[in-house]
Amino acid sequence: MMRNLKPALISAVVVVALSGLLMGVRISQQGTGLALTGAGPDVAMKIAAAALFIFLFNLFRDQLTALWFKVPALPRTPAAFSILAGRPAVRRLFWCFLIAAALIWPFMSNRSNIDLATLVLIYVMLGLGLNIVVGLAGLLDLGYVGFYAVGAYTYALLAMYFGVGFWTGLAAAGAMAALFGFLLGFPVLRLRGDYLAIVTLGFGEIIRILLNNFTALTNGPNGIGSIPKPELFGLEFSRRASEGMQTFHEFFGIEFNSVHRVMFLYFLALLLVLLTLFVINRLLRMPVGRAWEALREDEVACRSLGINPTAVKLNAFTIGATFAGFAGCFFAARQGFISPESFTFIESAIILAIVVLGGMGSQLGVILAAIIMTLLPEVARQFDEYRMLLFGLLMVLMMIWRPQGLLPMKRPHMELGT
């Protein structure tokens, strides 16, 4: 215990210094002396509690480590259940049940819950797109929000300057995001690991700063408003139709209800997610999908087998960026207003956390993690200022108890019996 005393004291001092800076404690001159400002009783108590916790943790670290290894491991999944879940017919039945539940959900819920479910589906689409880059190809991308912003602004600018509708804008947003992914891939995909992560992080920040400062085109920090909403075969979901158009409730002879638009946006997001899942599943069964996973496992082995790692990485970046562009276009149409502040690094961190939490390469895991990461801030609204701290704590706990993710990806395989 005595050998841990010095590190424990140093850790406590560091916590006091950093916590004080983060919580607004400053040293200011008063007369001929110095005084602490911003250190109220509640702030001082929080800093003291944090320092005491870190001090005691480091002081009794050896005892806690010994106690930790006595904790029983989590129970493993029964073998019979794993065999049953691995059958294709059972998996298809499960997906059918999941899709049916998603289709029924809007008719059994209220407007706010439907709107929240739509936000979950946007993050599912983003998580699935980033899962191609990070989970399947093994490339750490910290600037994925840049492609998300490109898709959103592509549709918003086309609608503002050329009057383009949602469906045309959706295709244009996906194509533009794919182009940016392709152009980014050429100079940076020869990098690996931390270097690749730093460059992609810079790309995401460059896109945000460019959108913020290019006021002549993007309206800068004021953002772009009045973005057209999606239409259903020319039918608008507004109370009164635009010139030459017809409303949804007039066409079907029903009373106007604002929930109809919310439900339509939900079903549209669900359709885009299902399309994303279908395309990714088809790609996984193709040689390019196998090449992604081979690249993730061992790049040197890929080269020895004649696979071009640069081309494989470029494919992953381009296809992943395409789905981010689709999600960005839908986000712009749903919100009706976008600004550069909607595409900060925090969004990239949340999307990456969804992929890691769900399980690298696992589609069902991404869906489950997107639900958790979206609903967690809503459930714990009173702890909103500690949201990022809770996210970090959740990631640390996952690394300790389940580093492979909630629902890790499993490839079909065969084992020889003894």
Protein backbone atom coordinates (compact mmCIF):
# COMPACT_ATOMS: atom_id res chain seq x y z
CA MET A 1 0.00 0.00 0.00
CA MET A 2 2.85 2.41 0.88
CA ARG A 3 4.43 2.06 -2.55
CA ASN A 4 1.14 3.29 -4.07
CA LEU A 5 1.00 6.37 -1.81
CA LYS A 6 3.13 8.63 -4.00
CA PRO A 7 1.32 7.78 -7.32
CA ALA A 8 -2.03 8.21 -5.53
CA LEU A 9 -1.07 11.68 -4.28
CA ILE A 10 0.18 12.73 -7.74
CA SER A 11 -3.04 11.47 -9.35
CA ALA A 12 -5.17 13.39 -6.85
CA VAL A 13 -3.22 16.62 -7.49
CA VAL A 14 -3.60 16.19 -11.27
CA VAL A 15 -7.35 15.62 -10.86
CA VAL A 16 -7.70 18.79 -8.77
CA ALA A 17 -5.77 20.86 -11.33
CA LEU A 18 -7.59 19.55 -14.41
CA SER A 19 -11.04 19.56 -12.78
CA GLY A 20 -10.53 23.12 -11.59
CA LEU A 21 -9.65 24.29 -15.11
CA LEU A 22 -12.59 22.45 -16.67
CA MET A 23 -15.08 23.76 -14.09
CA GLY A 24 -14.05 27.40 -14.44
CA VAL A 25 -11.77 27.87 -11.43
CA ARG A 26 -9.26 30.63 -12.15
CA ILE A 27 -6.45 32.38 -10.26
CA SER A 28 -6.91 36.16 -10.37
CA GLN A 29 -5.06 39.04 -8.76
CA GLN A 30 -6.83 40.88 -5.97
CA GLY A 31 -4.86 43.77 -4.63
CA THR A 32 -1.35 42.60 -3.89
CA GLY A 33 -2.25 38.93 -3.59
CA LEU A 34 -3.79 36.06 -5.58
CA ALA A 35 -7.22 34.52 -5.07
CA LEU A 36 -9.28 31.68 -6.58
CA THR A 37 -12.39 32.76 -8.47
CA GLY A 38 -15.27 30.56 -9.60
CA ALA A 39 -14.70 28.04 -6.83
CA GLY A 40 -18.11 27.96 -5.11
CA PRO A 41 -18.94 25.47 -2.37
CA ASP A 42 -20.65 23.03 -4.75
CA VAL A 43 -17.75 23.17 -7.24
CA ALA A 44 -15.22 22.65 -4.45
CA MET A 45 -17.17 19.65 -3.15
CA LYS A 46 -17.28 18.03 -6.59
CA ILE A 47 -13.53 18.54 -7.13
CA ALA A 48 -12.72 17.23 -3.64
CA ALA A 49 -14.93 14.16 -4.13
CA ALA A 50 -13.28 13.37 -7.47
CA ALA A 51 -9.78 13.80 -6.02
CA LEU A 52 -10.62 11.63 -3.00
CA PHE A 53 -12.02 8.89 -5.23
CA ILE A 54 -8.93 8.84 -7.46
CA PHE A 55 -6.62 8.91 -4.42
CA LEU A 56 -8.33 5.95 -2.73
CA PHE A 57 -8.58 4.01 -5.99
CA ASN A 58 -4.84 4.31 -6.69
CA LEU A 59 -3.94 3.69 -3.05
CA PHE A 60 -5.85 0.40 -2.85
CA ARG A 61 -5.32 -0.57 -6.49
CA ASP A 62 -3.60 -3.88 -5.72
CA GLN A 63 -6.37 -5.03 -3.40
CA LEU A 64 -9.05 -3.99 -5.92
CA THR A 65 -7.25 -5.87 -8.70
CA ALA A 66 -7.12 -9.05 -6.62
CA LEU A 67 -10.79 -8.65 -5.79
CA TRP A 68 -11.65 -8.05 -9.45
CA PHE A 69 -10.27 -11.40 -10.58
CA LYS A 70 -12.52 -13.13 -8.04
CA VAL A 71 -15.63 -11.73 -9.72
CA PRO A 72 -17.31 -14.51 -11.73
CA ALA A 73 -17.41 -14.06 -15.49
CA LEU A 74 -20.64 -13.35 -17.32
CA PRO A 75 -22.55 -16.52 -18.21
CA ARG A 76 -21.94 -17.81 -21.70
CA THR A 77 -24.70 -18.28 -24.23
CA PRO A 78 -26.09 -21.83 -24.09
CA ALA A 79 -24.77 -24.02 -26.91
CA ALA A 80 -28.28 -25.07 -27.99
CA PHE A 81 -29.35 -21.43 -28.32
CA SER A 82 -26.23 -20.57 -30.34
CA ILE A 83 -26.87 -23.47 -32.73
CA LEU A 84 -30.51 -22.46 -33.12
CA ALA A 85 -29.65 -18.79 -33.69
CA GLY A 86 -27.08 -19.76 -36.32
CA ARG A 87 -29.63 -21.41 -38.61
CA PRO A 88 -30.52 -19.29 -41.66
CA ALA A 89 -34.25 -19.98 -41.31
CA VAL A 90 -34.24 -18.74 -37.69
CA ARG A 91 -32.29 -15.61 -38.66
CA ARG A 92 -34.71 -14.83 -41.48
CA LEU A 93 -37.65 -15.33 -39.13
CA PHE A 94 -36.07 -12.99 -36.59
CA TRP A 95 -35.47 -10.27 -39.18
CA CYS A 96 -39.06 -10.61 -40.43
CA PHE A 97 -40.33 -10.22 -36.87
CA LEU A 98 -38.09 -7.17 -36.36
CA ILE A 99 -39.29 -5.50 -39.58
CA ALA A 100 -42.93 -6.25 -38.74
CA ALA A 101 -42.48 -4.68 -35.29
CA ALA A 102 -40.90 -1.60 -36.89
CA LEU A 103 -43.85 -1.27 -39.30
CA ILE A 104 -46.44 -1.58 -36.53
CA TRP A 105 -44.66 0.77 -34.11
CA PRO A 106 -45.98 4.15 -35.49
CA PHE A 107 -49.61 3.02 -35.18
CA MET A 108 -49.16 2.14 -31.50
CA SER A 109 -47.20 5.20 -30.34
CA ASN A 110 -47.47 8.97 -30.10
CA ARG A 111 -45.86 11.70 -32.16
CA SER A 112 -42.82 12.33 -29.93
CA ASN A 113 -41.92 8.63 -29.79
CA ILE A 114 -42.26 8.30 -33.57
CA ASP A 115 -40.01 11.32 -34.05
CA LEU A 116 -37.45 9.83 -31.65
CA ALA A 117 -37.59 6.51 -33.53
CA THR A 118 -36.87 8.40 -36.76
CA LEU A 119 -33.75 9.88 -35.16
CA VAL A 120 -32.71 6.36 -34.09
CA LEU A 121 -33.04 5.19 -37.72
CA ILE A 122 -30.81 8.05 -38.91
CA TYR A 123 -28.10 6.92 -36.50
CA VAL A 124 -28.65 3.30 -37.56
CA MET A 125 -27.97 4.32 -41.17
CA LEU A 126 -24.87 6.26 -40.15
CA GLY A 127 -23.67 3.40 -37.96
CA LEU A 128 -24.12 0.88 -40.77
CA GLY A 129 -22.17 3.11 -43.17
CA LEU A 130 -19.29 3.61 -40.73
CA ASN A 131 -19.40 -0.10 -39.91
CA ILE A 132 -18.19 -0.79 -43.45
CA VAL A 133 -15.12 1.40 -42.92
CA VAL A 134 -14.30 0.61 -39.28
CA GLY A 135 -15.94 -2.74 -38.57
CA LEU A 136 -15.37 -4.56 -41.86
CA ALA A 137 -12.32 -2.90 -43.43
CA GLY A 138 -10.63 -2.04 -40.11
CA LEU A 139 -9.94 1.63 -40.94
CA LEU A 140 -10.28 4.06 -38.03
CA ASP A 141 -12.28 6.98 -39.45
CA LEU A 142 -12.80 9.93 -37.08
CA GLY A 143 -14.15 12.31 -39.73
CA TYR A 144 -17.22 10.40 -40.88
CA VAL A 145 -19.43 13.36 -39.99
CA GLY A 146 -17.82 15.22 -42.92
CA PHE A 147 -19.60 12.96 -45.43
CA TYR A 148 -22.81 13.38 -43.42
CA ALA A 149 -22.45 17.16 -43.80
CA VAL A 150 -21.69 16.88 -47.52
CA GLY A 151 -24.92 14.94 -48.11
CA ALA A 152 -27.02 17.39 -46.08
CA TYR A 153 -25.60 20.51 -47.72
CA THR A 154 -25.75 19.01 -51.21
CA TYR A 155 -29.52 18.61 -50.94
CA ALA A 156 -30.01 21.95 -49.16
CA LEU A 157 -27.99 23.89 -51.77
CA LEU A 158 -29.63 22.15 -54.72
CA ALA A 159 -33.07 22.86 -53.25
CA MET A 160 -32.19 26.51 -52.52
CA TYR A 161 -30.57 27.40 -55.84
CA PHE A 162 -32.19 25.02 -58.33
CA GLY A 163 -35.47 23.95 -56.68
CA VAL A 164 -34.49 20.26 -56.72
CA GLY A 165 -36.90 17.85 -54.97
CA PHE A 166 -36.06 15.35 -52.27
CA TRP A 167 -35.75 12.21 -54.39
CA THR A 168 -33.40 13.84 -56.91
CA GLY A 169 -31.50 15.43 -54.04
CA LEU A 170 -31.16 12.04 -52.34
CA ALA A 171 -29.36 10.56 -55.33
CA ALA A 172 -27.22 13.69 -55.74
CA ALA A 173 -26.29 13.71 -52.03
CA GLY A 174 -25.20 10.07 -52.14
CA ALA A 175 -23.17 10.66 -55.31
CA MET A 176 -21.49 13.80 -53.93
CA ALA A 177 -20.60 12.12 -50.62
CA ALA A 178 -19.20 9.14 -52.56
CA LEU A 179 -17.10 11.53 -54.66
CA PHE A 180 -15.70 13.16 -51.53
CA GLY A 181 -14.95 9.73 -50.07
CA PHE A 182 -13.16 8.75 -53.28
CA LEU A 183 -11.13 11.98 -53.40
CA LEU A 184 -10.21 11.70 -49.72
CA GLY A 185 -9.23 8.08 -50.16
CA PHE A 186 -6.55 8.61 -52.77
CA PRO A 187 -4.08 10.67 -50.72
CA VAL A 188 -4.72 9.21 -47.23
CA LEU A 189 -5.44 5.50 -47.57
CA ARG A 190 -1.77 4.60 -47.76
CA LEU A 191 -1.67 5.58 -44.08
CA ARG A 192 -2.46 3.21 -41.23
CA GLY A 193 -3.67 3.31 -37.65
CA ASP A 194 -3.30 6.56 -35.74
CA TYR A 195 -2.04 8.51 -38.76
CA LEU A 196 -5.15 7.61 -40.75
CA ALA A 197 -7.35 8.57 -37.79
CA ILE A 198 -5.69 11.99 -37.47
CA VAL A 199 -6.04 12.76 -41.18
CA THR A 200 -9.73 11.75 -41.27
CA LEU A 201 -10.35 13.83 -38.14
CA GLY A 202 -8.80 16.78 -39.94
CA PHE A 203 -11.04 16.15 -42.97
CA GLY A 204 -14.18 16.32 -40.85
CA GLU A 205 -13.06 19.59 -39.24
CA ILE A 206 -12.05 21.08 -42.62
CA ILE A 207 -15.54 20.39 -43.99
CA ARG A 208 -17.20 22.03 -40.97
CA ILE A 209 -14.91 25.09 -41.06
CA LEU A 210 -15.39 25.44 -44.82
CA LEU A 211 -19.17 25.37 -44.44
CA ASN A 212 -18.90 27.89 -41.61
CA ASN A 213 -16.74 30.39 -43.53
CA PHE A 214 -17.96 30.03 -47.13
CA THR A 215 -20.86 32.41 -46.44
CA ALA A 216 -21.40 33.34 -50.10
CA LEU A 217 -22.56 29.81 -50.87
CA THR A 218 -23.56 28.10 -47.61
CA ASN A 219 -24.82 31.14 -45.64
CA GLY A 220 -22.14 30.38 -43.05
CA PRO A 221 -23.11 30.00 -39.38
CA ASN A 222 -26.65 31.23 -40.13
CA GLY A 223 -27.33 27.94 -41.88
CA ILE A 224 -29.88 27.11 -44.58
CA GLY A 225 -33.58 27.05 -43.79
CA SER A 226 -36.86 26.26 -45.57
CA ILE A 227 -35.49 23.00 -46.95
CA PRO A 228 -38.29 21.17 -48.80
CA LYS A 229 -39.85 18.16 -47.09
CA PRO A 230 -40.13 14.80 -48.88
CA GLU A 231 -43.28 14.15 -50.92
CA LEU A 232 -45.18 10.93 -51.59
CA PHE A 233 -45.70 10.73 -55.37
CA GLY A 234 -46.28 14.48 -55.53
CA LEU A 235 -48.54 14.61 -52.46
CA GLU A 236 -47.55 17.12 -49.78
CA PHE A 237 -48.11 16.58 -46.06
CA SER A 238 -48.95 20.23 -45.34
CA ARG A 239 -52.31 21.78 -44.49
CA ARG A 240 -52.43 23.75 -47.74
CA ALA A 241 -50.87 22.62 -51.00
CA SER A 242 -48.35 24.64 -52.98
CA GLU A 243 -49.28 25.95 -56.41
CA GLY A 244 -49.91 23.05 -58.78
CA MET A 245 -49.62 20.43 -56.01
CA GLN A 246 -52.07 18.41 -53.93
CA THR A 247 -52.06 17.50 -50.26
CA PHE A 248 -52.08 13.98 -48.84
CA HIS A 249 -55.27 14.43 -46.79
CA GLU A 250 -57.20 16.00 -49.70
CA PHE A 251 -56.22 13.19 -52.08
CA PHE A 252 -57.45 10.47 -49.69
CA GLY A 253 -60.39 12.49 -48.38
CA ILE A 254 -59.33 12.43 -44.72
CA GLU A 255 -58.93 15.13 -42.10
CA PHE A 256 -55.55 16.86 -41.87
CA ASN A 257 -53.30 15.52 -39.13
CA SER A 258 -49.70 16.65 -38.57
CA VAL A 259 -48.83 13.12 -37.38
CA HIS A 260 -49.12 11.89 -40.99
CA ARG A 261 -45.93 13.74 -41.95
CA VAL A 262 -44.06 12.36 -38.92
CA MET A 263 -45.19 8.82 -39.79
CA PHE A 264 -44.18 9.28 -43.43
CA LEU A 265 -40.70 10.45 -42.40
CA TYR A 266 -40.40 7.43 -40.11
CA PHE A 267 -41.38 4.97 -42.87
CA LEU A 268 -39.03 6.72 -45.29
CA ALA A 269 -36.15 6.39 -42.81
CA LEU A 270 -37.06 2.74 -42.28
CA LEU A 271 -37.01 2.17 -46.05
CA LEU A 272 -33.54 3.73 -46.33
CA VAL A 273 -32.25 1.58 -43.46
CA LEU A 274 -33.65 -1.60 -45.07
CA LEU A 275 -32.06 -0.60 -48.39
CA THR A 276 -28.74 -0.04 -46.60
CA LEU A 277 -28.95 -3.45 -44.92
CA PHE A 278 -29.81 -5.16 -48.21
CA VAL A 279 -26.90 -3.58 -50.08
CA ILE A 280 -24.37 -4.30 -47.31
CA ASN A 281 -25.51 -7.94 -47.03
CA ARG A 282 -25.14 -8.40 -50.76
CA LEU A 283 -21.67 -6.82 -50.68
CA LEU A 284 -20.59 -9.10 -47.83
CA ARG A 285 -21.36 -12.13 -49.98
CA MET A 286 -19.31 -10.72 -52.87
CA PRO A 287 -15.50 -10.83 -53.21
CA VAL A 288 -15.24 -7.18 -52.15
CA GLY A 289 -16.83 -8.02 -48.78
CA ARG A 290 -14.39 -10.87 -48.22
CA ALA A 291 -11.54 -8.55 -49.20
CA TRP A 292 -12.64 -5.98 -46.58
CA GLU A 293 -12.52 -8.56 -43.80
CA ALA A 294 -9.22 -9.99 -45.04
CA LEU A 295 -7.74 -6.49 -45.03
CA ARG A 296 -8.95 -5.95 -41.48
CA GLU A 297 -7.27 -9.14 -40.28
CA ASP A 298 -3.90 -8.86 -42.04
CA GLU A 299 -2.90 -6.37 -44.74
CA VAL A 300 0.42 -8.14 -45.47
CA ALA A 301 -1.42 -11.42 -46.13
CA CYS A 302 -3.77 -9.55 -48.48
CA ARG A 303 -0.85 -8.27 -50.51
CA SER A 304 0.64 -11.76 -50.72
CA LEU A 305 -2.67 -13.03 -52.15
CA GLY A 306 -2.70 -10.39 -54.86
CA ILE A 307 -5.31 -8.12 -53.27
CA ASN A 308 -4.65 -4.41 -53.77
CA PRO A 309 -5.16 -2.86 -50.28
CA THR A 310 -5.47 0.68 -51.66
CA ALA A 311 -8.32 -0.29 -53.99
CA VAL A 312 -10.09 -2.23 -51.24
CA LYS A 313 -9.80 0.69 -48.81
CA LEU A 314 -11.03 3.06 -51.51
CA ASN A 315 -14.09 0.89 -52.08
CA ALA A 316 -14.86 0.84 -48.36
CA PHE A 317 -14.46 4.60 -47.99
CA THR A 318 -16.58 5.37 -51.05
CA ILE A 319 -19.45 3.03 -50.20
CA GLY A 320 -19.45 4.07 -46.53
CA ALA A 321 -19.51 7.75 -47.54
CA THR A 322 -22.47 7.09 -49.87
CA PHE A 323 -24.69 5.94 -47.00
CA ALA A 324 -23.58 8.94 -44.93
CA GLY A 325 -24.70 11.16 -47.83
CA PHE A 326 -28.13 9.49 -47.89
CA ALA A 327 -28.47 9.99 -44.14
CA GLY A 328 -27.41 13.64 -44.45
CA CYS A 329 -29.97 14.32 -47.17
CA PHE A 330 -32.74 12.78 -45.08
CA PHE A 331 -31.59 14.69 -41.98
CA ALA A 332 -31.75 18.00 -43.88
CA ALA A 333 -35.24 17.22 -45.22
CA ARG A 334 -36.51 16.14 -41.80
CA GLN A 335 -35.12 19.14 -39.93
CA GLY A 336 -35.89 21.77 -42.57
CA PHE A 337 -32.83 23.68 -41.34
CA ILE A 338 -29.13 22.83 -41.14
CA SER A 339 -26.03 24.68 -39.98
CA PRO A 340 -22.35 23.72 -39.51
CA GLU A 341 -23.00 23.26 -35.78
CA SER A 342 -25.05 20.15 -36.63
CA PHE A 343 -21.89 18.39 -37.86
CA THR A 344 -19.30 18.69 -35.09
CA PHE A 345 -16.75 16.08 -34.02
CA ILE A 346 -19.12 14.93 -31.27
CA GLU A 347 -21.35 13.42 -33.98
CA SER A 348 -18.42 11.40 -35.34
CA ALA A 349 -17.62 10.23 -31.81
CA ILE A 350 -21.21 9.11 -31.22
CA ILE A 351 -21.36 7.21 -34.53
CA LEU A 352 -18.02 5.53 -33.79
CA ALA A 353 -19.26 4.65 -30.29
CA ILE A 354 -22.32 3.00 -31.87
CA VAL A 355 -20.10 0.78 -34.03
CA VAL A 356 -17.79 -0.16 -31.15
CA LEU A 357 -20.60 -0.70 -28.65
CA GLY A 358 -22.64 -2.86 -31.01
CA GLY A 359 -19.74 -5.00 -32.19
CA MET A 360 -17.32 -4.44 -35.06
CA GLY A 361 -18.92 -5.66 -38.27
CA SER A 362 -22.22 -6.65 -36.63
CA GLN A 363 -25.32 -5.16 -38.24
CA LEU A 364 -27.73 -6.23 -35.52
CA GLY A 365 -25.27 -4.90 -32.94
CA VAL A 366 -25.20 -1.50 -34.67
CA ILE A 367 -29.01 -1.33 -34.53
CA LEU A 368 -29.07 -2.19 -30.82
CA ALA A 369 -26.25 0.27 -30.02
CA ALA A 370 -27.96 3.07 -32.00
CA ILE A 371 -31.11 2.56 -29.93
CA ILE A 372 -29.10 2.68 -26.68
CA MET A 373 -26.99 5.71 -27.64
CA THR A 374 -30.03 7.68 -28.84
CA LEU A 375 -32.37 6.82 -25.99
CA LEU A 376 -29.78 7.21 -23.22
CA PRO A 377 -29.67 11.05 -23.42
CA GLU A 378 -33.49 11.16 -23.51
CA VAL A 379 -33.83 8.96 -20.43
CA ALA A 380 -31.14 10.84 -18.48
CA ARG A 381 -32.04 14.41 -19.40
CA GLN A 382 -31.28 15.64 -15.87
CA PHE A 383 -27.66 14.56 -16.41
CA ASP A 384 -27.34 16.31 -19.78
CA GLU A 385 -24.16 18.16 -18.79
CA TYR A 386 -22.52 14.83 -17.97
CA ARG A 387 -23.59 13.15 -21.23
CA MET A 388 -20.11 12.77 -22.69
CA LEU A 389 -18.84 11.53 -19.34
CA LEU A 390 -21.53 8.85 -19.35
CA PHE A 391 -20.61 7.88 -22.92
CA GLY A 392 -16.96 7.55 -21.92
CA LEU A 393 -17.85 5.48 -18.85
CA LEU A 394 -20.02 3.22 -20.99
CA MET A 395 -17.13 2.66 -23.41
CA VAL A 396 -14.72 1.85 -20.57
CA LEU A 397 -17.14 -0.66 -19.06
CA MET A 398 -17.63 -2.27 -22.47
CA MET A 399 -13.85 -2.60 -22.93
CA ILE A 400 -13.66 -4.37 -19.55
CA TRP A 401 -16.68 -6.67 -19.66
CA ARG A 402 -17.40 -7.18 -23.35
CA PRO A 403 -14.61 -5.87 -25.61
CA GLN A 404 -16.07 -7.62 -28.66
CA GLY A 405 -19.30 -5.58 -28.40
CA LEU A 406 -22.87 -6.34 -27.42
CA LEU A 407 -23.58 -8.55 -30.43
CA PRO A 408 -20.28 -9.43 -32.13
CA MET A 409 -20.22 -10.48 -35.76
CA LYS A 410 -20.10 -14.22 -36.40
CA ARG A 411 -19.10 -15.72 -39.70
CA PRO A 412 -20.56 -19.10 -40.75
CA HIS A 413 -17.91 -21.70 -39.94
CA MET A 414 -17.45 -25.44 -39.51
CA GLU A 415 -15.70 -27.25 -36.66
CA LEU A 416 -14.24 -30.75 -36.61
CA GLY A 417 -15.67 -32.94 -33.88
CA THR A 418 -13.34 -34.84 -31.56
